[in-house]
Amino acid sequence: MTRLSSFGRPVRFYLCLAALPIYAQTLYGPDTPEEGSVEAIARFVTDPLFTNPWVACVPASATVISPPRYLKHIVGAPGELSCG
Protein backbone atom coordinates (compact mmCIF):
# COMPACT_ATOMS: atom_id res chain seq x y z
CA MET A 1 0.00 0.00 0.00
CA THR A 2 1.45 3.34 -0.95
CA ARG A 3 1.43 6.36 1.26
CA LEU A 4 -0.93 8.24 -1.07
CA SER A 5 -3.59 5.52 -1.05
CA SER A 6 -3.47 5.19 2.75
CA PHE A 7 -4.03 8.95 2.99
CA GLY A 8 -6.89 8.88 0.48
CA ARG A 9 -9.05 6.41 2.41
CA PRO A 10 -9.70 8.61 5.44
CA VAL A 11 -10.25 11.63 3.20
CA ARG A 12 -12.86 9.77 1.14
CA PHE A 13 -14.50 8.50 4.33
CA TYR A 14 -14.80 11.98 5.84
CA LEU A 15 -16.06 13.44 2.56
CA CYS A 16 -18.83 10.83 2.47
CA LEU A 17 -19.59 11.49 6.12
CA ALA A 18 -19.82 15.23 5.46
CA ALA A 19 -22.23 14.64 2.56
CA LEU A 20 -24.77 12.72 4.69
CA PRO A 21 -26.55 15.79 6.14
CA ILE A 22 -26.96 17.23 2.65
CA TYR A 23 -28.51 13.95 1.45
CA ALA A 24 -30.81 13.76 4.48
CA GLN A 25 -32.08 17.30 3.93
CA THR A 26 -33.18 16.51 0.40
CA LEU A 27 -34.68 13.13 1.33
CA TYR A 28 -37.19 14.30 3.94
CA GLY A 29 -39.31 17.42 3.97
CA PRO A 30 -40.83 19.24 6.92
CA ASP A 31 -43.76 17.72 8.78
CA THR A 32 -47.25 18.89 7.91
CA PRO A 33 -49.42 19.38 10.99
CA GLU A 34 -52.62 17.43 11.43
CA GLU A 35 -55.66 19.62 10.99
CA GLY A 36 -56.68 21.28 14.25
CA SER A 37 -53.71 20.04 16.26
CA VAL A 38 -51.92 23.39 16.47
CA GLU A 39 -55.01 25.13 17.84
CA ALA A 40 -55.81 22.31 20.29
CA ILE A 41 -52.29 22.24 21.71
CA ALA A 42 -52.19 26.05 21.98
CA ARG A 43 -55.51 26.00 23.86
CA PHE A 44 -54.17 23.63 26.56
CA VAL A 45 -50.70 25.13 27.02
CA THR A 46 -50.78 27.37 30.09
CA ASP A 47 -47.58 29.29 29.33
CA PRO A 48 -45.67 29.69 26.03
CA LEU A 49 -42.48 28.74 27.89
CA PHE A 50 -43.75 25.14 28.02
CA THR A 51 -43.81 24.64 24.25
CA ASN A 52 -41.64 25.12 21.19
CA PRO A 53 -42.09 24.60 17.42
CA TRP A 54 -40.98 20.94 17.68
CA VAL A 55 -43.92 19.98 19.87
CA ALA A 56 -46.51 22.57 18.82
CA CYS A 57 -48.37 20.21 16.48
CA VAL A 58 -49.19 16.58 15.76
CA PRO A 59 -47.65 15.59 12.39
CA ALA A 60 -50.07 14.16 9.84
CA SER A 61 -49.32 10.69 8.48
CA ALA A 62 -51.02 8.42 5.98
CA THR A 63 -49.59 5.26 7.58
CA VAL A 64 -49.51 5.92 11.35
CA ILE A 65 -52.67 6.59 13.36
CA SER A 66 -52.40 9.84 15.30
CA PRO A 67 -52.80 9.99 19.08
CA PRO A 68 -55.86 12.29 18.86
CA ARG A 69 -57.65 9.84 16.54
CA TYR A 70 -56.77 6.84 18.70
CA LEU A 71 -57.34 8.40 22.13
CA LYS A 72 -60.14 10.78 21.02
CA HIS A 73 -58.31 13.70 22.73
CA ILE A 74 -55.00 15.57 22.60
CA VAL A 75 -52.40 14.06 24.94
CA GLY A 76 -52.11 16.29 27.99
CA ALA A 77 -55.64 17.68 27.78
CA PRO A 78 -57.00 18.68 31.20
CA GLY A 79 -59.16 15.99 32.80
CA GLU A 80 -58.13 13.27 30.33
CA LEU A 81 -55.86 10.33 31.11
CA SER A 82 -53.98 8.70 28.24
CA CYS A 83 -53.18 5.42 30.00
CA GLY A 84 -55.10 2.78 31.84
PDB file of N, CA and C in Angstrom:
ATOM      1  N   MET A   1       0.844  -1.160   0.000  1.00  0.00           N
ATOM      2  CA  MET A   1       0.000   0.000   0.000  1.00  0.00           C
ATOM      3  C   MET A   1       0.899   1.236   0.000  1.00  0.00           C
ATOM      4  N   THR A   2       0.628   2.129  -0.885  1.00  0.00           N
ATOM      5  CA  THR A   2       1.448   3.338  -0.954  1.00  0.00           C
ATOM      6  C   THR A   2       0.946   4.364   0.046  1.00  0.00           C
ATOM      7  N   ARG A   3       1.782   5.319   0.293  1.00  0.00           N
ATOM      8  CA  ARG A   3       1.426   6.356   1.264  1.00  0.00           C
ATOM      9  C   ARG A   3       0.240   7.192   0.778  1.00  0.00           C
ATOM     10  N   LEU A   4       0.153   7.434  -0.517  1.00  0.00           N
ATOM     11  CA  LEU A   4      -0.931   8.241  -1.067  1.00  0.00           C
ATOM     12  C   LEU A   4      -2.278   7.536  -0.914  1.00  0.00           C
ATOM     13  N   SER A   5      -2.311   6.231  -1.167  1.00  0.00           N
ATOM     14  CA  SER A   5      -3.586   5.524  -1.054  1.00  0.00           C
ATOM     15  C   SER A   5      -4.019   5.381   0.403  1.00  0.00           C
ATOM     16  N   SER A   6      -3.085   5.278   1.337  1.00  0.00           N
ATOM     17  CA  SER A   6      -3.468   5.190   2.747  1.00  0.00           C
ATOM     18  C   SER A   6      -3.979   6.541   3.251  1.00  0.00           C
ATOM     19  N   PHE A   7      -3.535   7.623   2.638  1.00  0.00           N
ATOM     20  CA  PHE A   7      -4.033   8.949   2.992  1.00  0.00           C
ATOM     21  C   PHE A   7      -5.405   9.199   2.367  1.00  0.00           C
ATOM     22  N   GLY A   8      -5.646   8.641   1.202  1.00  0.00           N
ATOM     23  CA  GLY A   8      -6.893   8.878   0.479  1.00  0.00           C
ATOM     24  C   GLY A   8      -8.096   8.221   1.117  1.00  0.00           C
ATOM     25  N   ARG A   9      -7.914   7.101   1.783  1.00  0.00           N
ATOM     26  CA  ARG A   9      -9.049   6.408   2.411  1.00  0.00           C
ATOM     27  C   ARG A   9      -9.746   7.251   3.480  1.00  0.00           C
ATOM     28  N   PRO A  10      -9.013   7.776   4.440  1.00  0.00           N
ATOM     29  CA  PRO A  10      -9.696   8.609   5.440  1.00  0.00           C
ATOM     30  C   PRO A  10     -10.336   9.860   4.833  1.00  0.00           C
ATOM     31  N   VAL A  11      -9.688  10.433   3.832  1.00  0.00           N
ATOM     32  CA  VAL A  11     -10.245  11.628   3.195  1.00  0.00           C
ATOM     33  C   VAL A  11     -11.567  11.288   2.523  1.00  0.00           C
ATOM     34  N   ARG A  12     -11.612  10.181   1.796  1.00  0.00           N
ATOM     35  CA  ARG A  12     -12.864   9.773   1.143  1.00  0.00           C
ATOM     36  C   ARG A  12     -13.940   9.465   2.177  1.00  0.00           C
ATOM     37  N   PHE A  13     -13.540   8.822   3.271  1.00  0.00           N
ATOM     38  CA  PHE A  13     -14.495   8.498   4.326  1.00  0.00           C
ATOM     39  C   PHE A  13     -15.116   9.767   4.909  1.00  0.00           C
ATOM     40  N   TYR A  14     -14.284  10.744   5.238  1.00  0.00           N
ATOM     41  CA  TYR A  14     -14.803  11.978   5.840  1.00  0.00           C
ATOM     42  C   TYR A  14     -15.589  12.816   4.837  1.00  0.00           C
ATOM     43  N   LEU A  15     -15.258  12.750   3.576  1.00  0.00           N
ATOM     44  CA  LEU A  15     -16.059  13.442   2.562  1.00  0.00           C
ATOM     45  C   LEU A  15     -17.447  12.820   2.463  1.00  0.00           C
ATOM     46  N   CYS A  16     -17.520  11.505   2.487  1.00  0.00           N
ATOM     47  CA  CYS A  16     -18.825  10.830   2.466  1.00  0.00           C
ATOM     48  C   CYS A  16     -19.615  11.145   3.730  1.00  0.00           C
ATOM     49  N   LEU A  17     -18.931  11.168   4.861  1.00  0.00           N
ATOM     50  CA  LEU A  17     -19.586  11.487   6.122  1.00  0.00           C
ATOM     51  C   LEU A  17     -20.122  12.920   6.120  1.00  0.00           C
ATOM     52  N   ALA A  18     -19.377  13.836   5.532  1.00  0.00           N
ATOM     53  CA  ALA A  18     -19.815  15.230   5.462  1.00  0.00           C
ATOM     54  C   ALA A  18     -20.993  15.401   4.510  1.00  0.00           C
ATOM     55  N   ALA A  19     -21.138  14.519   3.524  1.00  0.00           N
ATOM     56  CA  ALA A  19     -22.226  14.635   2.555  1.00  0.00           C
ATOM     57  C   ALA A  19     -23.544  14.084   3.083  1.00  0.00           C
ATOM     58  N   LEU A  20     -23.539  13.312   4.153  1.00  0.00           N
ATOM     59  CA  LEU A  20     -24.770  12.721   4.689  1.00  0.00           C
ATOM     60  C   LEU A  20     -25.831  13.748   5.086  1.00  0.00           C
ATOM     61  N   PRO A  21     -25.501  14.821   5.806  1.00  0.00           N
ATOM     62  CA  PRO A  21     -26.550  15.794   6.143  1.00  0.00           C
ATOM     63  C   PRO A  21     -27.180  16.434   4.911  1.00  0.00           C
ATOM     64  N   ILE A  22     -26.417  16.647   3.876  1.00  0.00           N
ATOM     65  CA  ILE A  22     -26.962  17.228   2.645  1.00  0.00           C
ATOM     66  C   ILE A  22     -27.946  16.253   2.021  1.00  0.00           C
ATOM     67  N   TYR A  23     -27.613  14.970   1.999  1.00  0.00           N
ATOM     68  CA  TYR A  23     -28.506  13.952   1.451  1.00  0.00           C
ATOM     69  C   TYR A  23     -29.776  13.844   2.287  1.00  0.00           C
ATOM     70  N   ALA A  24     -29.645  13.885   3.599  1.00  0.00           N
ATOM     71  CA  ALA A  24     -30.811  13.758   4.480  1.00  0.00           C
ATOM     72  C   ALA A  24     -31.753  14.940   4.328  1.00  0.00           C
ATOM     73  N   GLN A  25     -31.226  16.127   4.088  1.00  0.00           N
ATOM     74  CA  GLN A  25     -32.078  17.298   3.925  1.00  0.00           C
ATOM     75  C   GLN A  25     -32.924  17.203   2.670  1.00  0.00           C
ATOM     76  N   THR A  26     -32.406  16.609   1.635  1.00  0.00           N
ATOM     77  CA  THR A  26     -33.178  16.507   0.404  1.00  0.00           C
ATOM     78  C   THR A  26     -34.123  15.314   0.433  1.00  0.00           C
ATOM     79  N   LEU A  27     -33.872  14.334   1.296  1.00  0.00           N
ATOM     80  CA  LEU A  27     -34.679  13.126   1.332  1.00  0.00           C
ATOM     81  C   LEU A  27     -36.002  13.336   2.059  1.00  0.00           C
ATOM     82  N   TYR A  28     -35.993  14.105   3.131  1.00  0.00           N
ATOM     83  CA  TYR A  28     -37.186  14.297   3.945  1.00  0.00           C
ATOM     84  C   TYR A  28     -37.559  15.772   3.989  1.00  0.00           C
ATOM     85  N   GLY A  29     -38.836  16.048   3.879  1.00  0.00           N
ATOM     86  CA  GLY A  29     -39.315  17.416   3.972  1.00  0.00           C
ATOM     87  C   GLY A  29     -39.819  17.709   5.371  1.00  0.00           C
ATOM     88  N   PRO A  30     -40.291  18.911   5.597  1.00  0.00           N
ATOM     89  CA  PRO A  30     -40.829  19.240   6.918  1.00  0.00           C
ATOM     90  C   PRO A  30     -42.164  18.546   7.165  1.00  0.00           C
ATOM     91  N   ASP A  31     -42.484  18.339   8.420  1.00  0.00           N
ATOM     92  CA  ASP A  31     -43.762  17.717   8.779  1.00  0.00           C
ATOM     93  C   ASP A  31     -44.915  18.664   8.482  1.00  0.00           C
ATOM     94  N   THR A  32     -46.033  18.096   8.059  1.00  0.00           N
ATOM     95  CA  THR A  32     -47.249  18.889   7.906  1.00  0.00           C
ATOM     96  C   THR A  32     -48.137  18.595   9.111  1.00  0.00           C
ATOM     97  N   PRO A  33     -48.619  19.625   9.784  1.00  0.00           N
ATOM     98  CA  PRO A  33     -49.416  19.381  10.987  1.00  0.00           C
ATOM     99  C   PRO A  33     -50.786  18.813  10.664  1.00  0.00           C
ATOM    100  N   GLU A  34     -51.268  17.967  11.547  1.00  0.00           N
ATOM    101  CA  GLU A  34     -52.618  17.427  11.425  1.00  0.00           C
ATOM    102  C   GLU A  34     -53.610  18.570  11.653  1.00  0.00           C
ATOM    103  N   GLU A  35     -54.686  18.540  10.920  1.00  0.00           N
ATOM    104  CA  GLU A  35     -55.664  19.623  10.987  1.00  0.00           C
ATOM    105  C   GLU A  35     -56.222  19.775  12.405  1.00  0.00           C
ATOM    106  N   GLY A  36     -56.156  20.985  12.923  1.00  0.00           N
ATOM    107  CA  GLY A  36     -56.682  21.281  14.253  1.00  0.00           C
ATOM    108  C   GLY A  36     -55.734  21.023  15.403  1.00  0.00           C
ATOM    109  N   SER A  37     -54.602  20.383  15.149  1.00  0.00           N
ATOM    110  CA  SER A  37     -53.712  20.038  16.261  1.00  0.00           C
ATOM    111  C   SER A  37     -53.001  21.258  16.833  1.00  0.00           C
ATOM    112  N   VAL A  38     -52.628  22.197  15.988  1.00  0.00           N
ATOM    113  CA  VAL A  38     -51.918  23.388  16.473  1.00  0.00           C
ATOM    114  C   VAL A  38     -52.821  24.182  17.416  1.00  0.00           C
ATOM    115  N   GLU A  39     -54.071  24.369  17.018  1.00  0.00           N
ATOM    116  CA  GLU A  39     -55.013  25.129  17.844  1.00  0.00           C
ATOM    117  C   GLU A  39     -55.323  24.401  19.154  1.00  0.00           C
ATOM    118  N   ALA A  40     -55.493  23.086  19.086  1.00  0.00           N
ATOM    119  CA  ALA A  40     -55.811  22.314  20.290  1.00  0.00           C
ATOM    120  C   ALA A  40     -54.661  22.345  21.286  1.00  0.00           C
ATOM    121  N   ILE A  41     -53.444  22.209  20.810  1.00  0.00           N
ATOM    122  CA  ILE A  41     -52.290  22.241  21.710  1.00  0.00           C
ATOM    123  C   ILE A  41     -52.139  23.638  22.302  1.00  0.00           C
ATOM    124  N   ALA A  42     -52.305  24.676  21.484  1.00  0.00           N
ATOM    125  CA  ALA A  42     -52.186  26.052  21.979  1.00  0.00           C
ATOM    126  C   ALA A  42     -53.249  26.354  23.036  1.00  0.00           C
ATOM    127  N   ARG A  43     -54.422  25.766  22.908  1.00  0.00           N
ATOM    128  CA  ARG A  43     -55.507  25.996  23.863  1.00  0.00           C
ATOM    129  C   ARG A  43     -55.166  25.422  25.243  1.00  0.00           C
ATOM    130  N   PHE A  44     -54.452  24.296  25.286  1.00  0.00           N
ATOM    131  CA  PHE A  44     -54.172  23.635  26.558  1.00  0.00           C
ATOM    132  C   PHE A  44     -52.834  24.015  27.183  1.00  0.00           C
ATOM    133  N   VAL A  45     -51.985  24.718  26.461  1.00  0.00           N
ATOM    134  CA  VAL A  45     -50.696  25.134  27.019  1.00  0.00           C
ATOM    135  C   VAL A  45     -50.931  26.363  27.893  1.00  0.00           C
ATOM    136  N   THR A  46     -50.517  26.286  29.151  1.00  0.00           N
ATOM    137  CA  THR A  46     -50.783  27.374  30.089  1.00  0.00           C
ATOM    138  C   THR A  46     -49.800  28.525  29.967  1.00  0.00           C
ATOM    139  N   ASP A  47     -48.595  28.248  29.475  1.00  0.00           N
ATOM    140  CA  ASP A  47     -47.577  29.285  29.330  1.00  0.00           C
ATOM    141  C   ASP A  47     -46.747  28.970  28.090  1.00  0.00           C
ATOM    142  N   PRO A  48     -46.475  29.953  27.237  1.00  0.00           N
ATOM    143  CA  PRO A  48     -45.673  29.694  26.031  1.00  0.00           C
ATOM    144  C   PRO A  48     -44.279  29.142  26.317  1.00  0.00           C
ATOM    145  N   LEU A  49     -43.787  29.292  27.542  1.00  0.00           N
ATOM    146  CA  LEU A  49     -42.476  28.736  27.888  1.00  0.00           C
ATOM    147  C   LEU A  49     -42.475  27.210  27.877  1.00  0.00           C
ATOM    148  N   PHE A  50     -43.664  26.595  27.962  1.00  0.00           N
ATOM    149  CA  PHE A  50     -43.754  25.143  28.024  1.00  0.00           C
ATOM    150  C   PHE A  50     -43.801  24.479  26.655  1.00  0.00           C
ATOM    151  N   THR A  51     -43.733  25.224  25.592  1.00  0.00           N
ATOM    152  CA  THR A  51     -43.809  24.637  24.251  1.00  0.00           C
ATOM    153  C   THR A  51     -42.755  25.252  23.343  1.00  0.00           C
ATOM    154  N   ASN A  52     -42.533  24.604  22.225  1.00  0.00           N
ATOM    155  CA  ASN A  52     -41.641  25.117  21.190  1.00  0.00           C
ATOM    156  C   ASN A  52     -42.137  24.589  19.850  1.00  0.00           C
ATOM    157  N   PRO A  53     -41.584  25.039  18.725  1.00  0.00           N
ATOM    158  CA  PRO A  53     -42.088  24.599  17.418  1.00  0.00           C
ATOM    159  C   PRO A  53     -41.993  23.092  17.181  1.00  0.00           C
ATOM    160  N   TRP A  54     -41.118  22.384  17.892  1.00  0.00           N
ATOM    161  CA  TRP A  54     -40.975  20.940  17.682  1.00  0.00           C
ATOM    162  C   TRP A  54     -42.145  20.158  18.249  1.00  0.00           C
ATOM    163  N   VAL A  55     -42.815  20.703  19.241  1.00  0.00           N
ATOM    164  CA  VAL A  55     -43.918  19.981  19.874  1.00  0.00           C
ATOM    165  C   VAL A  55     -45.237  20.741  19.790  1.00  0.00           C
ATOM    166  N   ALA A  56     -45.317  21.725  18.918  1.00  0.00           N
ATOM    167  CA  ALA A  56     -46.509  22.571  18.824  1.00  0.00           C
ATOM    168  C   ALA A  56     -47.567  22.003  17.894  1.00  0.00           C
ATOM    169  N   CYS A  57     -47.358  20.809  17.352  1.00  0.00           N
ATOM    170  CA  CYS A  57     -48.369  20.210  16.476  1.00  0.00           C
ATOM    171  C   CYS A  57     -48.211  18.690  16.479  1.00  0.00           C
ATOM    172  N   VAL A  58     -49.240  18.022  15.978  1.00  0.00           N
ATOM    173  CA  VAL A  58     -49.186  16.576  15.760  1.00  0.00           C
ATOM    174  C   VAL A  58     -48.983  16.390  14.265  1.00  0.00           C
ATOM    175  N   PRO A  59     -47.876  15.747  13.830  1.00  0.00           N
ATOM    176  CA  PRO A  59     -47.654  15.588  12.394  1.00  0.00           C
ATOM    177  C   PRO A  59     -48.671  14.645  11.760  1.00  0.00           C
ATOM    178  N   ALA A  60     -49.117  15.002  10.582  1.00  0.00           N
ATOM    179  CA  ALA A  60     -50.066  14.165   9.842  1.00  0.00           C
ATOM    180  C   ALA A  60     -49.312  13.022   9.173  1.00  0.00           C
ATOM    181  N   SER A  61     -49.929  11.847   9.114  1.00  0.00           N
ATOM    182  CA  SER A  61     -49.320  10.685   8.477  1.00  0.00           C
ATOM    183  C   SER A  61     -50.403   9.841   7.830  1.00  0.00           C
ATOM    184  N   ALA A  62     -50.083   9.303   6.672  1.00  0.00           N
ATOM    185  CA  ALA A  62     -51.021   8.423   5.982  1.00  0.00           C
ATOM    186  C   ALA A  62     -50.913   6.984   6.490  1.00  0.00           C
ATOM    187  N   THR A  63     -49.819   6.648   7.178  1.00  0.00           N
ATOM    188  CA  THR A  63     -49.588   5.264   7.584  1.00  0.00           C
ATOM    189  C   THR A  63     -49.674   5.030   9.089  1.00  0.00           C
ATOM    190  N   VAL A  64     -49.513   6.069   9.898  1.00  0.00           N
ATOM    191  CA  VAL A  64     -49.514   5.922  11.351  1.00  0.00           C
ATOM    192  C   VAL A  64     -50.731   6.647  11.914  1.00  0.00           C
ATOM    193  N   ILE A  65     -51.496   5.960  12.752  1.00  0.00           N
ATOM    194  CA  ILE A  65     -52.665   6.595  13.360  1.00  0.00           C
ATOM    195  C   ILE A  65     -52.190   7.622  14.384  1.00  0.00           C
ATOM    196  N   SER A  66     -52.829   8.766  14.403  1.00  0.00           N
ATOM    197  CA  SER A  66     -52.396   9.835  15.299  1.00  0.00           C
ATOM    198  C   SER A  66     -52.965   9.618  16.698  1.00  0.00           C
ATOM    199  N   PRO A  67     -52.276  10.116  17.718  1.00  0.00           N
ATOM    200  CA  PRO A  67     -52.798   9.988  19.078  1.00  0.00           C
ATOM    201  C   PRO A  67     -54.198  10.587  19.250  1.00  0.00           C
ATOM    202  N   PRO A  68     -54.500  11.772  18.683  1.00  0.00           N
ATOM    203  CA  PRO A  68     -55.864  12.289  18.863  1.00  0.00           C
ATOM    204  C   PRO A  68     -56.944  11.383  18.253  1.00  0.00           C
ATOM    205  N   ARG A  69     -56.658  10.745  17.139  1.00  0.00           N
ATOM    206  CA  ARG A  69     -57.650   9.841  16.542  1.00  0.00           C
ATOM    207  C   ARG A  69     -57.816   8.576  17.379  1.00  0.00           C
ATOM    208  N   TYR A  70     -56.721   8.073  17.923  1.00  0.00           N
ATOM    209  CA  TYR A  70     -56.772   6.837  18.702  1.00  0.00           C
ATOM    210  C   TYR A  70     -57.372   7.069  20.091  1.00  0.00           C
ATOM    211  N   LEU A  71     -56.915   8.131  20.758  1.00  0.00           N
ATOM    212  CA  LEU A  71     -57.345   8.402  22.128  1.00  0.00           C
ATOM    213  C   LEU A  71     -58.614   9.244  22.206  1.00  0.00           C
ATOM    214  N   LYS A  72     -58.979   9.873  21.095  1.00  0.00           N
ATOM    215  CA  LYS A  72     -60.138  10.781  21.025  1.00  0.00           C
ATOM    216  C   LYS A  72     -59.916  12.078  21.802  1.00  0.00           C
ATOM    217  N   HIS A  73     -58.652  12.408  22.113  1.00  0.00           N
ATOM    218  CA  HIS A  73     -58.312  13.697  22.727  1.00  0.00           C
ATOM    219  C   HIS A  73     -56.824  13.946  22.528  1.00  0.00           C
ATOM    220  N   ILE A  74     -56.413  15.208  22.675  1.00  0.00           N
ATOM    221  CA  ILE A  74     -54.998  15.571  22.601  1.00  0.00           C
ATOM    222  C   ILE A  74     -54.323  15.078  23.880  1.00  0.00           C
ATOM    223  N   VAL A  75     -53.147  14.508  23.763  1.00  0.00           N
ATOM    224  CA  VAL A  75     -52.403  14.060  24.940  1.00  0.00           C
ATOM    225  C   VAL A  75     -52.071  15.281  25.794  1.00  0.00           C
ATOM    226  N   GLY A  76     -52.362  15.190  27.076  1.00  0.00           N
ATOM    227  CA  GLY A  76     -52.110  16.294  27.990  1.00  0.00           C
ATOM    228  C   GLY A  76     -53.304  17.203  28.192  1.00  0.00           C
ATOM    229  N   ALA A  77     -54.437  16.860  27.595  1.00  0.00           N
ATOM    230  CA  ALA A  77     -55.641  17.677  27.782  1.00  0.00           C
ATOM    231  C   ALA A  77     -56.095  17.591  29.237  1.00  0.00           C
ATOM    232  N   PRO A  78     -56.552  18.699  29.806  1.00  0.00           N
ATOM    233  CA  PRO A  78     -57.000  18.676  31.201  1.00  0.00           C
ATOM    234  C   PRO A  78     -58.166  17.715  31.406  1.00  0.00           C
ATOM    235  N   GLY A  79     -58.084  16.918  32.460  1.00  0.00           N
ATOM    236  CA  GLY A  79     -59.159  15.994  32.800  1.00  0.00           C
ATOM    237  C   GLY A  79     -59.172  14.708  31.998  1.00  0.00           C
ATOM    238  N   GLU A  80     -58.193  14.484  31.152  1.00  0.00           N
ATOM    239  CA  GLU A  80     -58.134  13.272  30.325  1.00  0.00           C
ATOM    240  C   GLU A  80     -56.868  12.490  30.661  1.00  0.00           C
ATOM    241  N   LEU A  81     -57.012  11.195  30.899  1.00  0.00           N
ATOM    242  CA  LEU A  81     -55.856  10.326  31.106  1.00  0.00           C
ATOM    243  C   LEU A  81     -55.596   9.543  29.832  1.00  0.00           C
ATOM    244  N   SER A  82     -54.330   9.399  29.472  1.00  0.00           N
ATOM    245  CA  SER A  82     -53.980   8.700  28.239  1.00  0.00           C
ATOM    246  C   SER A  82     -53.576   7.261  28.475  1.00  0.00           C
ATOM    247  N   CYS A  83     -53.552   6.803  29.716  1.00  0.00           N
ATOM    248  CA  CYS A  83     -53.181   5.418  29.998  1.00  0.00           C
ATOM    249  C   CYS A  83     -54.230   4.784  30.898  1.00  0.00           C
ATOM    250  N   GLY A  84     -54.234   3.483  30.919  1.00  0.00           N
ATOM    251  CA  GLY A  84     -55.098   2.782  31.839  1.00  0.00           C
ATOM    252  C   GLY A  84     -56.377   2.431  31.228  1.00  0.00           C
TER     253      GLY A  84
END
